[in-house]
Amino acid sequence: MKEDRSLTPQEVADILQIAKNTVYELIKRGEMNAYRVGRKVRIDPKDVEDYKNRTKSQKDSSINNPSLIQPTLSKPSSLLCDEASYPSRGFVISGQDALLDILSRYLQVHPEGTHALRSYVGSYNGLYALYQGKVQLATAHLWDGETNQYNISYVKKMLPGTPAVIIHLACRMQGFYVAKGNPKNITGWEDLRRSDVTIINREKGSGTRVLLDEHLKLMGIDRQRIKGYNRESSSHLAVASTVARGGADLALGNEKTGLQVHEVDFIPLQQERYELVARKEDIGQPPFRAVLEILNSQDFKMELSGIGGYDLKETGDIIAET
């Protein structure tokens, strides 16, 4: 280790044999000293040695005193908020899509970013939590059957008196999951009228459930006559798996998840708009500026392109202000 130059986070990660993101986390927690040169983070070799010596001492102490050993969590509780609770402070992003995990990772290392917490709730509950101040960014994919628009009318109604900004994330394809080979020959919304078709539904408040209910209303279909309508599950993956194992003939969900489940075919029906919602009063603050910069960056878009399943033509665009 050379003492006459500073180290990059990646070099520190290589020395300590940890992930680069872990280095940033150590810096944010104050466990490792660092400084900035412009927009770059740098660490002195001496500070790396100090960290190693300090953690070595802690390890030796815990060996001599087993009561100091802390249990390891399989998923850090600070990173996850369940549907029933939210942290009292912090920067919380609600929503379930994997692209939000990628956004959180980019946000953690951005110069103006922050350590984002995640709340895995549906669109309706996410907007309600934003109105209550329990989250800082909510995601929505709520289709209005009367206007054929996504999100805008819901944001206006669910954030009364609260100016908001709607930022486009991506377009995704929604459709039916059916058993491999489509033995029931299901082709579209009209098949929901059939008495020989059983569904597995999403939970109330999810964008997918709203999409189904809006179409049922427009078609004049009595939802209570649909077999399985009252059976609910809380994720695309769960309903697709139910169809794969023969527990239902169809479920509504996005294409990307359907491709992950064996023995399921996907019938595309409608492209949806998946978008972020923030309070307008917050949009000028550093973490929100960081989010906009990340969404418009080529690195972020290239990573999502590599995953596939997203239309990114409008990613980062401000779609509306209410």
Protein backbone atom coordinates (compact mmCIF):
# COMPACT_ATOMS: atom_id res chain seq x y z
CA MET A 1 0.00 0.00 0.00
CA LYS A 2 1.58 3.30 -1.06
CA GLU A 3 1.52 6.10 1.47
CA ASP A 4 2.17 8.91 -1.03
CA ARG A 5 -1.22 8.83 -2.74
CA SER A 6 -4.88 8.54 -1.93
CA LEU A 7 -7.01 5.54 -2.78
CA THR A 8 -10.26 5.25 -4.70
CA PRO A 9 -13.22 3.39 -3.12
CA GLN A 10 -12.63 0.53 -5.58
CA GLU A 11 -8.99 0.23 -4.51
CA VAL A 12 -10.04 0.16 -0.87
CA ALA A 13 -12.64 -2.49 -1.71
CA ASP A 14 -9.93 -4.61 -3.37
CA ILE A 15 -7.61 -4.23 -0.37
CA LEU A 16 -10.31 -5.20 2.14
CA GLN A 17 -11.89 -7.78 -0.21
CA ILE A 18 -15.34 -6.24 0.12
CA ALA A 19 -17.81 -4.67 -2.30
CA LYS A 20 -17.28 -1.05 -3.35
CA ASN A 21 -20.78 -0.19 -2.06
CA THR A 22 -19.71 -1.46 1.36
CA VAL A 23 -16.84 1.04 1.33
CA TYR A 24 -19.32 3.87 0.70
CA GLU A 25 -21.51 2.55 3.50
CA LEU A 26 -18.56 2.53 5.93
CA ILE A 27 -17.82 6.14 4.99
CA LYS A 28 -21.44 7.21 5.47
CA ARG A 29 -21.58 5.56 8.90
CA GLY A 30 -18.39 7.37 9.91
CA GLU A 31 -16.45 4.10 10.32
CA MET A 32 -13.87 5.11 7.72
CA ASN A 33 -12.50 8.59 7.06
CA ALA A 34 -12.67 9.98 3.52
CA TYR A 35 -12.69 13.26 1.65
CA ARG A 36 -13.75 14.61 -1.74
CA VAL A 37 -11.67 15.88 -4.62
CA GLY A 38 -14.30 17.57 -6.76
CA ARG A 39 -16.97 14.89 -7.22
CA LYS A 40 -14.60 12.02 -6.42
CA VAL A 41 -14.27 10.27 -3.06
CA ARG A 42 -10.75 9.52 -1.86
CA ILE A 43 -9.36 7.68 1.19
CA ASP A 44 -5.88 7.95 2.70
CA PRO A 45 -4.02 4.64 3.09
CA LYS A 46 -3.47 5.43 6.77
CA ASP A 47 -7.26 5.57 7.30
CA VAL A 48 -7.62 2.14 5.72
CA GLU A 49 -4.98 0.77 8.10
CA ASP A 50 -6.69 2.43 11.03
CA TYR A 51 -9.99 0.81 10.05
CA LYS A 52 -8.35 -2.62 9.73
CA ASN A 53 -6.67 -2.30 13.11
CA ARG A 54 -9.85 -1.07 14.76
CA THR A 55 -11.99 -3.90 13.40
CA LYS A 56 -9.29 -6.42 14.31
CA SER A 57 -9.40 -5.17 17.91
CA GLN A 58 -13.18 -5.45 17.93
CA LYS A 59 -12.96 -9.00 16.62
CA ASP A 60 -10.47 -9.98 19.29
CA SER A 61 -12.69 -8.44 21.99
CA SER A 62 -15.75 -10.34 20.80
CA ILE A 63 -13.80 -13.60 20.85
CA ASN A 64 -12.88 -12.99 24.49
CA ASN A 65 -16.38 -11.76 25.31
CA PRO A 66 -19.04 -13.72 23.36
CA SER A 67 -21.79 -11.37 24.59
CA LEU A 68 -20.40 -8.72 22.22
CA ILE A 69 -21.06 -10.85 19.16
CA GLN A 70 -24.06 -9.53 17.22
CA PRO A 71 -26.38 -11.78 15.22
CA THR A 72 -26.16 -11.51 11.43
CA LEU A 73 -29.36 -10.56 9.61
CA SER A 74 -30.05 -12.16 6.24
CA LYS A 75 -31.50 -8.84 5.06
CA PRO A 76 -30.62 -5.63 6.95
CA SER A 77 -33.76 -4.37 8.63
CA SER A 78 -32.79 -0.78 7.84
CA LEU A 79 -33.11 -1.49 4.12
CA LEU A 80 -36.65 -2.80 4.13
CA CYS A 81 -39.98 -1.39 5.25
CA ASP A 82 -42.91 -3.79 5.29
CA GLU A 83 -46.40 -2.89 4.18
CA ALA A 84 -47.63 -2.13 7.67
CA SER A 85 -44.91 0.22 8.89
CA TYR A 86 -42.59 3.00 7.83
CA PRO A 87 -39.50 4.43 9.52
CA SER A 88 -39.89 7.66 11.43
CA ARG A 89 -37.04 9.23 9.50
CA GLY A 90 -34.97 8.57 6.37
CA PHE A 91 -35.38 8.68 2.61
CA VAL A 92 -37.98 6.07 1.65
CA ILE A 93 -38.90 4.89 -1.85
CA SER A 94 -42.08 2.84 -2.15
CA GLY A 95 -42.78 0.32 -4.88
CA GLN A 96 -41.99 -3.25 -5.87
CA ASP A 97 -40.13 -3.23 -9.20
CA ALA A 98 -36.50 -4.38 -9.26
CA LEU A 99 -35.45 -1.17 -11.02
CA LEU A 100 -36.06 0.64 -7.70
CA ASP A 101 -33.39 -1.52 -6.07
CA ILE A 102 -31.01 -0.47 -8.84
CA LEU A 103 -32.00 3.18 -8.38
CA SER A 104 -31.36 2.87 -4.62
CA ARG A 105 -27.90 1.48 -5.29
CA TYR A 106 -27.02 4.37 -7.61
CA LEU A 107 -28.47 6.86 -5.12
CA GLN A 108 -26.28 5.51 -2.34
CA VAL A 109 -23.05 6.35 -4.20
CA HIS A 110 -24.13 9.59 -5.89
CA PRO A 111 -22.35 12.72 -4.52
CA GLU A 112 -25.71 14.27 -3.60
CA GLY A 113 -27.35 10.95 -2.84
CA THR A 114 -28.39 9.19 0.30
CA HIS A 115 -28.99 5.75 1.75
CA ALA A 116 -32.50 4.93 0.53
CA LEU A 117 -34.92 2.74 2.46
CA ARG A 118 -37.43 0.64 0.54
CA SER A 119 -41.13 0.10 1.22
CA TYR A 120 -42.64 -2.72 -0.86
CA VAL A 121 -46.20 -1.46 -1.13
CA GLY A 122 -48.54 -1.07 -4.09
CA SER A 123 -49.31 2.13 -5.97
CA TYR A 124 -52.39 3.22 -4.01
CA ASN A 125 -50.82 2.70 -0.59
CA GLY A 126 -47.59 4.32 -1.76
CA LEU A 127 -49.37 7.52 -2.80
CA TYR A 128 -51.26 7.58 0.47
CA ALA A 129 -47.98 7.21 2.38
CA LEU A 130 -46.50 10.08 0.33
CA TYR A 131 -49.47 12.27 1.28
CA GLN A 132 -48.92 11.40 4.95
CA GLY A 133 -45.20 12.15 4.71
CA LYS A 134 -44.16 8.56 5.45
CA VAL A 135 -42.26 8.15 2.16
CA GLN A 136 -40.32 10.62 0.03
CA LEU A 137 -40.85 8.97 -3.36
CA ALA A 138 -43.83 6.85 -4.38
CA THR A 139 -44.22 4.80 -7.53
CA ALA A 140 -47.48 4.40 -9.41
CA HIS A 141 -48.89 2.58 -12.41
CA LEU A 142 -52.58 3.42 -11.97
CA TRP A 143 -54.67 3.39 -15.14
CA ASP A 144 -57.76 5.60 -15.40
CA GLY A 145 -60.25 3.89 -17.70
CA GLU A 146 -62.21 7.09 -18.29
CA THR A 147 -59.25 9.16 -19.52
CA ASN A 148 -57.01 6.31 -20.75
CA GLN A 149 -54.16 7.96 -18.81
CA TYR A 150 -51.83 6.70 -16.14
CA ASN A 151 -51.30 8.21 -12.69
CA ILE A 152 -52.17 11.89 -13.19
CA SER A 153 -55.80 11.76 -12.07
CA TYR A 154 -54.92 9.54 -9.09
CA VAL A 155 -52.11 11.85 -7.93
CA LYS A 156 -54.48 14.84 -8.08
CA LYS A 157 -57.11 13.05 -6.01
CA MET A 158 -54.84 11.31 -3.50
CA LEU A 159 -52.59 14.29 -2.74
CA PRO A 160 -55.20 17.02 -2.27
CA GLY A 161 -53.69 20.45 -1.77
CA THR A 162 -50.19 19.01 -2.27
CA PRO A 163 -48.40 20.05 -5.48
CA ALA A 164 -46.60 17.04 -6.88
CA VAL A 165 -44.20 16.13 -9.68
CA ILE A 166 -44.60 12.94 -11.75
CA ILE A 167 -41.33 11.56 -13.16
CA HIS A 168 -41.35 8.80 -15.76
CA LEU A 169 -39.44 5.62 -14.93
CA ALA A 170 -40.28 3.14 -17.67
CA CYS A 171 -43.05 1.54 -19.69
CA ARG A 172 -43.81 -2.12 -19.02
CA MET A 173 -46.12 -4.59 -20.74
CA GLN A 174 -49.03 -5.93 -18.72
CA GLY A 175 -50.87 -9.06 -19.71
CA PHE A 176 -52.16 -12.48 -18.69
CA TYR A 177 -50.07 -15.29 -17.27
CA VAL A 178 -51.48 -18.59 -18.52
CA ALA A 179 -50.33 -22.19 -18.32
CA LYS A 180 -47.68 -23.29 -20.80
CA GLY A 181 -49.27 -23.93 -24.18
CA ASN A 182 -52.37 -21.93 -23.16
CA PRO A 183 -54.68 -24.99 -22.80
CA LYS A 184 -57.75 -22.78 -22.19
CA ASN A 185 -57.05 -20.75 -25.37
CA ILE A 186 -57.21 -17.45 -23.46
CA THR A 187 -56.66 -14.43 -25.71
CA GLY A 188 -57.86 -11.26 -23.94
CA TRP A 189 -60.11 -9.40 -21.53
CA GLU A 190 -63.31 -11.02 -22.88
CA ASP A 191 -62.18 -14.37 -21.52
CA LEU A 192 -62.94 -13.04 -18.03
CA ARG A 193 -66.61 -13.63 -18.86
CA ARG A 194 -66.06 -17.38 -19.21
CA SER A 195 -67.36 -19.68 -16.48
CA ASP A 196 -64.56 -22.21 -17.09
CA VAL A 197 -61.74 -19.74 -16.30
CA THR A 198 -60.40 -19.27 -12.76
CA ILE A 199 -58.09 -16.39 -11.81
CA ILE A 200 -55.72 -15.46 -9.02
CA ASN A 201 -55.96 -11.74 -8.22
CA ARG A 202 -53.57 -9.08 -6.91
CA GLU A 203 -54.16 -7.22 -3.65
CA LYS A 204 -56.37 -4.13 -3.41
CA GLY A 205 -54.43 -0.93 -4.09
CA SER A 206 -51.89 -2.45 -6.46
CA GLY A 207 -51.69 -0.93 -9.93
CA THR A 208 -52.39 -4.33 -11.45
CA ARG A 209 -55.59 -4.75 -9.42
CA VAL A 210 -56.72 -1.25 -10.46
CA LEU A 211 -56.05 -2.11 -14.12
CA LEU A 212 -58.22 -5.22 -13.87
CA ASP A 213 -61.04 -3.46 -12.03
CA GLU A 214 -61.07 -0.56 -14.48
CA HIS A 215 -61.44 -2.95 -17.43
CA LEU A 216 -64.16 -4.92 -15.66
CA LYS A 217 -66.07 -1.69 -15.06
CA LEU A 218 -65.75 -0.59 -18.68
CA MET A 219 -66.89 -4.01 -19.93
CA GLY A 220 -69.77 -4.25 -17.48
CA ILE A 221 -68.52 -7.52 -15.98
CA ASP A 222 -69.71 -8.40 -12.48
CA ARG A 223 -66.44 -9.09 -10.67
CA GLN A 224 -68.13 -11.39 -8.16
CA ARG A 225 -69.04 -13.76 -10.99
CA ILE A 226 -65.37 -14.30 -11.84
CA LYS A 227 -64.03 -17.46 -10.25
CA GLY A 228 -61.10 -16.67 -7.99
CA TYR A 229 -61.60 -12.90 -8.02
CA ASN A 230 -61.44 -12.72 -4.21
CA ARG A 231 -58.26 -14.82 -4.00
CA GLU A 232 -55.38 -12.35 -3.56
CA SER A 233 -51.61 -12.48 -3.67
CA SER A 234 -49.16 -9.64 -3.18
CA SER A 235 -46.69 -9.93 -6.07
CA HIS A 236 -46.43 -10.65 -9.79
CA LEU A 237 -44.16 -13.58 -9.03
CA ALA A 238 -46.61 -15.15 -6.60
CA VAL A 239 -49.58 -15.05 -9.00
CA ALA A 240 -47.46 -16.32 -11.91
CA SER A 241 -46.28 -19.22 -9.76
CA THR A 242 -49.88 -20.04 -8.84
CA VAL A 243 -50.74 -20.32 -12.54
CA ALA A 244 -47.61 -22.42 -13.20
CA ARG A 245 -48.59 -25.03 -10.62
CA GLY A 246 -52.20 -25.22 -11.83
CA GLY A 247 -53.79 -23.20 -9.05
CA ALA A 248 -55.46 -20.81 -11.52
CA ASP A 249 -56.00 -20.50 -15.26
CA LEU A 250 -54.81 -16.90 -15.50
CA ALA A 251 -53.41 -13.95 -13.59
CA LEU A 252 -52.63 -10.39 -14.58
CA GLY A 253 -49.05 -9.14 -14.29
CA ASN A 254 -46.07 -7.70 -16.12
CA GLU A 255 -44.16 -9.47 -18.85
CA LYS A 256 -40.76 -9.36 -17.18
CA THR A 257 -41.89 -11.42 -14.19
CA GLY A 258 -43.69 -13.93 -16.41
CA LEU A 259 -40.44 -14.70 -18.22
CA GLN A 260 -38.88 -15.74 -14.90
CA VAL A 261 -41.43 -18.47 -14.18
CA HIS A 262 -41.29 -21.86 -15.87
CA GLU A 263 -44.45 -23.39 -17.32
CA VAL A 264 -46.07 -20.00 -17.88
CA ASP A 265 -46.87 -18.20 -21.14
CA PHE A 266 -47.52 -14.48 -21.37
CA ILE A 267 -50.33 -12.83 -23.37
CA PRO A 268 -49.58 -9.09 -23.83
CA LEU A 269 -52.57 -6.79 -23.33
CA GLN A 270 -51.57 -3.23 -22.44
CA GLN A 271 -48.44 -1.14 -22.07
CA GLU A 272 -48.39 0.65 -18.73
CA ARG A 273 -46.51 3.68 -17.47
CA TYR A 274 -44.49 3.16 -14.31
CA GLU A 275 -43.68 6.50 -12.69
CA LEU A 276 -42.24 8.20 -9.62
CA VAL A 277 -44.19 10.79 -7.65
CA ALA A 278 -42.59 13.40 -5.37
CA ARG A 279 -43.87 16.44 -3.53
CA LYS A 280 -42.99 19.53 -5.55
CA GLU A 281 -41.59 21.28 -2.47
CA ASP A 282 -38.95 18.53 -2.16
CA ILE A 283 -37.77 18.33 -5.75
CA GLY A 284 -34.97 20.90 -5.34
CA GLN A 285 -33.33 19.08 -2.42
CA PRO A 286 -30.06 17.17 -3.05
CA PRO A 287 -31.39 13.57 -2.95
CA PHE A 288 -34.16 14.43 -5.41
CA ARG A 289 -31.72 16.21 -7.72
CA ALA A 290 -29.59 13.06 -7.53
CA VAL A 291 -32.56 10.88 -8.51
CA LEU A 292 -33.25 13.00 -11.60
CA GLU A 293 -29.59 12.93 -12.60
CA ILE A 294 -29.41 9.15 -12.16
CA LEU A 295 -32.57 8.52 -14.17
CA ASN A 296 -31.18 10.58 -17.04
CA SER A 297 -27.73 8.99 -16.92
CA GLN A 298 -26.54 6.59 -19.59
CA ASP A 299 -25.11 4.20 -16.99
CA PHE A 300 -28.49 3.72 -15.32
CA LYS A 301 -30.33 3.31 -18.61
CA MET A 302 -27.73 0.88 -19.96
CA GLU A 303 -28.05 -1.30 -16.87
CA LEU A 304 -31.84 -1.47 -17.25
CA SER A 305 -31.46 -2.17 -20.98
CA GLY A 306 -29.23 -5.09 -20.13
CA ILE A 307 -31.88 -6.54 -17.84
CA GLY A 308 -34.58 -6.15 -20.49
CA GLY A 309 -38.33 -5.77 -20.22
CA TYR A 310 -38.41 -1.96 -20.01
CA ASP A 311 -39.16 0.76 -22.56
CA LEU A 312 -36.83 3.58 -21.53
CA LYS A 313 -37.52 6.24 -24.17
CA GLU A 314 -38.97 8.71 -21.62
CA THR A 315 -37.02 7.68 -18.51
CA GLY A 316 -36.22 10.72 -16.38
CA ASP A 317 -38.76 13.01 -18.08
CA ILE A 318 -41.05 15.08 -15.86
CA ILE A 319 -44.46 14.07 -17.17
CA ALA A 320 -46.71 16.37 -15.18
CA GLU A 321 -46.94 18.73 -12.25
CA THR A 322 -50.16 18.84 -10.26
